[in-house]
N, C-alpha and C. Protein backbone atom coordinates (compact mmCIF):
# COMPACT_ATOMS: atom_id res chain seq x y z
N MET A 1 257.17 162.39 89.23
CA MET A 1 256.94 161.02 89.64
C MET A 1 258.25 160.25 89.43
N LYS A 2 258.69 159.53 90.47
CA LYS A 2 259.96 158.83 90.41
C LYS A 2 259.84 157.37 90.00
N ILE A 3 258.61 156.90 89.83
CA ILE A 3 258.38 155.51 89.43
C ILE A 3 258.18 155.45 87.92
N LYS A 4 258.89 154.50 87.26
CA LYS A 4 258.83 154.37 85.81
C LYS A 4 258.31 152.99 85.44
N VAL A 5 258.02 152.81 84.16
CA VAL A 5 257.59 151.51 83.65
C VAL A 5 258.73 150.52 83.83
N GLY A 6 258.41 149.34 84.35
CA GLY A 6 259.41 148.31 84.55
C GLY A 6 259.94 148.24 85.97
N ASP A 7 259.66 149.23 86.81
CA ASP A 7 260.11 149.22 88.19
C ASP A 7 259.32 148.20 89.00
N GLU A 8 259.99 147.58 89.95
CA GLU A 8 259.34 146.66 90.88
C GLU A 8 258.89 147.48 92.08
N VAL A 9 257.59 147.39 92.42
CA VAL A 9 257.03 148.21 93.50
C VAL A 9 256.31 147.34 94.52
N LEU A 10 256.18 147.89 95.73
CA LEU A 10 255.46 147.26 96.84
C LEU A 10 254.27 148.13 97.17
N VAL A 11 253.09 147.53 97.29
CA VAL A 11 251.88 148.28 97.63
C VAL A 11 251.88 148.49 99.14
N ILE A 12 251.77 149.77 99.57
CA ILE A 12 251.84 150.08 101.00
C ILE A 12 250.50 150.49 101.58
N ALA A 13 249.45 150.59 100.76
CA ALA A 13 248.12 150.95 101.25
C ALA A 13 247.07 150.38 100.31
N GLY A 14 245.89 150.10 100.85
CA GLY A 14 244.78 149.63 100.04
C GLY A 14 244.52 148.14 100.21
N LYS A 15 243.64 147.61 99.38
CA LYS A 15 243.22 146.21 99.53
C LYS A 15 244.33 145.22 99.20
N ASP A 16 245.33 145.62 98.44
CA ASP A 16 246.44 144.74 98.06
C ASP A 16 247.72 145.07 98.84
N LYS A 17 247.58 145.61 100.03
CA LYS A 17 248.73 146.00 100.85
C LYS A 17 249.64 144.80 101.10
N GLY A 18 250.95 145.01 100.89
CA GLY A 18 251.92 143.95 101.11
C GLY A 18 252.30 143.19 99.86
N LYS A 19 251.56 143.33 98.78
CA LYS A 19 251.87 142.64 97.53
C LYS A 19 252.85 143.47 96.72
N ASN A 20 253.60 142.80 95.87
CA ASN A 20 254.50 143.53 94.98
C ASN A 20 254.28 143.09 93.55
N GLY A 21 254.69 143.94 92.62
CA GLY A 21 254.53 143.67 91.20
C GLY A 21 255.31 144.65 90.37
N LYS A 22 255.22 144.46 89.06
CA LYS A 22 255.96 145.28 88.10
C LYS A 22 255.03 146.33 87.50
N VAL A 23 255.53 147.56 87.33
CA VAL A 23 254.74 148.64 86.76
C VAL A 23 254.60 148.42 85.26
N ILE A 24 253.35 148.38 84.79
CA ILE A 24 253.05 148.18 83.37
C ILE A 24 252.91 149.52 82.65
N LYS A 25 252.26 150.49 83.31
CA LYS A 25 251.93 151.76 82.69
C LYS A 25 251.91 152.85 83.74
N THR A 26 252.31 154.07 83.34
CA THR A 26 252.22 155.22 84.24
C THR A 26 251.28 156.26 83.64
N LEU A 27 250.46 156.85 84.48
CA LEU A 27 249.55 157.92 84.07
C LEU A 27 250.00 159.19 84.79
N ARG A 28 250.93 159.90 84.18
CA ARG A 28 251.56 161.06 84.83
C ARG A 28 250.58 162.18 85.14
N ASP A 29 249.62 162.44 84.26
CA ASP A 29 248.68 163.54 84.49
C ASP A 29 247.77 163.28 85.69
N LYS A 30 247.53 162.01 86.02
CA LYS A 30 246.66 161.66 87.14
C LYS A 30 247.45 161.15 88.35
N ASP A 31 248.79 161.09 88.25
CA ASP A 31 249.66 160.56 89.32
C ASP A 31 249.27 159.15 89.71
N LYS A 32 249.05 158.28 88.72
CA LYS A 32 248.67 156.90 88.98
C LYS A 32 249.55 155.96 88.18
N VAL A 33 249.65 154.72 88.65
CA VAL A 33 250.39 153.69 87.94
C VAL A 33 249.53 152.43 87.87
N VAL A 34 249.78 151.61 86.85
CA VAL A 34 249.11 150.32 86.70
C VAL A 34 250.17 149.26 87.00
N VAL A 35 249.89 148.41 88.00
CA VAL A 35 250.84 147.39 88.44
C VAL A 35 250.28 146.02 88.07
N GLU A 36 251.15 145.17 87.56
CA GLU A 36 250.76 143.84 87.09
C GLU A 36 250.23 142.99 88.26
N GLY A 37 248.97 142.55 88.14
CA GLY A 37 248.36 141.68 89.13
C GLY A 37 247.85 142.37 90.38
N ILE A 38 247.87 143.70 90.41
CA ILE A 38 247.44 144.46 91.58
C ILE A 38 246.20 145.28 91.22
N ASN A 39 245.28 145.43 92.18
CA ASN A 39 244.05 146.21 92.02
C ASN A 39 243.21 145.68 90.85
N MET A 40 242.97 144.37 90.87
CA MET A 40 242.20 143.73 89.81
C MET A 40 240.72 144.08 89.94
N VAL A 41 240.09 144.40 88.80
CA VAL A 41 238.66 144.72 88.76
C VAL A 41 238.01 143.89 87.66
N LYS A 42 236.70 143.72 87.76
CA LYS A 42 235.93 142.98 86.75
C LYS A 42 235.38 143.97 85.73
N LYS A 43 235.53 143.67 84.44
CA LYS A 43 235.03 144.52 83.36
C LYS A 43 234.03 143.71 82.56
N HIS A 44 232.80 144.18 82.49
CA HIS A 44 231.76 143.53 81.70
C HIS A 44 231.82 144.06 80.28
N VAL A 45 231.97 143.16 79.29
CA VAL A 45 232.15 143.55 77.90
C VAL A 45 231.07 142.91 77.04
N LYS A 46 230.42 143.74 76.22
CA LYS A 46 229.42 143.23 75.27
C LYS A 46 230.14 142.69 74.04
N PRO A 47 229.53 141.75 73.33
CA PRO A 47 230.13 141.25 72.09
C PRO A 47 230.27 142.37 71.06
N ASN A 48 231.40 142.39 70.36
CA ASN A 48 231.64 143.38 69.30
C ASN A 48 232.57 142.77 68.26
N ASN A 49 233.06 143.57 67.33
CA ASN A 49 233.92 143.07 66.26
C ASN A 49 235.23 142.50 66.78
N LYS A 50 235.83 143.14 67.79
CA LYS A 50 237.09 142.66 68.34
C LYS A 50 236.89 141.38 69.15
N ASN A 51 235.77 141.34 69.87
CA ASN A 51 235.51 140.24 70.78
C ASN A 51 234.16 139.63 70.43
N ASP A 52 234.18 138.48 69.73
CA ASP A 52 232.93 137.85 69.30
C ASP A 52 232.06 137.47 70.49
N LYS A 53 232.67 136.95 71.53
CA LYS A 53 231.94 136.62 72.73
C LYS A 53 232.12 137.75 73.74
N GLY A 54 231.07 138.10 74.40
CA GLY A 54 231.19 139.06 75.49
C GLY A 54 231.70 138.33 76.71
N GLY A 55 231.58 138.96 77.84
CA GLY A 55 231.96 138.26 79.06
C GLY A 55 232.46 139.21 80.12
N ILE A 56 232.98 138.62 81.15
CA ILE A 56 233.53 139.37 82.27
C ILE A 56 235.03 139.13 82.29
N PHE A 57 235.82 140.19 82.20
CA PHE A 57 237.27 140.09 82.16
C PHE A 57 237.87 140.73 83.40
N ASP A 58 239.01 140.18 83.85
CA ASP A 58 239.76 140.78 84.95
C ASP A 58 240.80 141.72 84.36
N LEU A 59 240.82 142.97 84.84
CA LEU A 59 241.77 143.98 84.39
C LEU A 59 242.45 144.62 85.58
N GLU A 60 243.67 145.13 85.37
CA GLU A 60 244.36 145.90 86.39
C GLU A 60 243.89 147.34 86.32
N ALA A 61 243.44 147.88 87.43
CA ALA A 61 243.03 149.28 87.50
C ALA A 61 244.20 150.11 88.03
N PRO A 62 244.23 151.40 87.70
CA PRO A 62 245.31 152.25 88.20
C PRO A 62 245.24 152.41 89.71
N ILE A 63 246.41 152.58 90.32
CA ILE A 63 246.53 152.82 91.76
C ILE A 63 247.36 154.08 91.94
N HIS A 64 247.03 154.90 92.93
CA HIS A 64 247.72 156.17 93.12
C HIS A 64 249.17 155.91 93.48
N VAL A 65 250.05 156.75 92.96
CA VAL A 65 251.48 156.56 93.13
C VAL A 65 251.91 156.68 94.60
N SER A 66 251.12 157.37 95.42
CA SER A 66 251.47 157.49 96.84
C SER A 66 251.23 156.19 97.60
N ASN A 67 250.53 155.24 97.00
CA ASN A 67 250.25 153.96 97.65
C ASN A 67 251.22 152.86 97.26
N VAL A 68 252.28 153.21 96.51
CA VAL A 68 253.30 152.23 96.14
C VAL A 68 254.68 152.77 96.48
N LYS A 69 255.63 151.83 96.63
CA LYS A 69 257.00 152.20 96.96
C LYS A 69 257.94 151.31 96.17
N LYS A 70 259.01 151.88 95.61
CA LYS A 70 259.98 151.10 94.85
C LYS A 70 260.67 150.11 95.76
N ILE A 71 260.87 148.88 95.27
CA ILE A 71 261.51 147.84 96.08
C ILE A 71 263.03 147.99 96.05
N GLU A 72 263.61 148.43 94.95
CA GLU A 72 265.06 148.55 94.83
C GLU A 72 265.62 149.48 95.91
N GLU A 73 264.89 150.54 96.23
CA GLU A 73 265.36 151.48 97.26
C GLU A 73 265.44 150.78 98.61
N ASN A 74 264.49 149.91 98.91
CA ASN A 74 264.50 149.19 100.18
C ASN A 74 265.72 148.26 100.27
N LYS A 75 266.07 147.60 99.17
CA LYS A 75 267.21 146.70 99.16
C LYS A 75 268.50 147.48 99.41
N LYS A 76 268.65 148.65 98.78
CA LYS A 76 269.85 149.46 98.96
C LYS A 76 269.96 149.94 100.40
N GLU A 77 268.83 150.37 100.99
CA GLU A 77 268.85 150.85 102.37
C GLU A 77 269.23 149.74 103.34
N SER A 78 268.73 148.53 103.12
CA SER A 78 269.03 147.43 104.03
C SER A 78 270.49 147.00 103.91
N LYS A 79 271.09 147.14 102.73
CA LYS A 79 272.50 146.80 102.57
C LYS A 79 273.41 147.80 103.26
N LYS A 80 273.00 149.08 103.34
CA LYS A 80 273.81 150.11 103.98
C LYS A 80 273.89 149.90 105.49
N LYS A 81 272.86 149.30 106.08
CA LYS A 81 272.84 149.14 107.55
C LYS A 81 273.73 148.04 108.03
């Protein structure tokens, strides 16, 4: 996998197509990445010791690495032309 934590990526497929963000986490064994603000899902949480109040939280879900593209590479290619 050529995408690392901290890389700026562009989503090229899926419900967030056209959006860009920064990679927060990589899951190498599953070939997925977590991108900041992309592929948001609702998580229902019951009250527990860590969280006194339960509720519904927005979290970033992993997206397959084939659905993202590094932005830096696009900038370099456009400068060469």
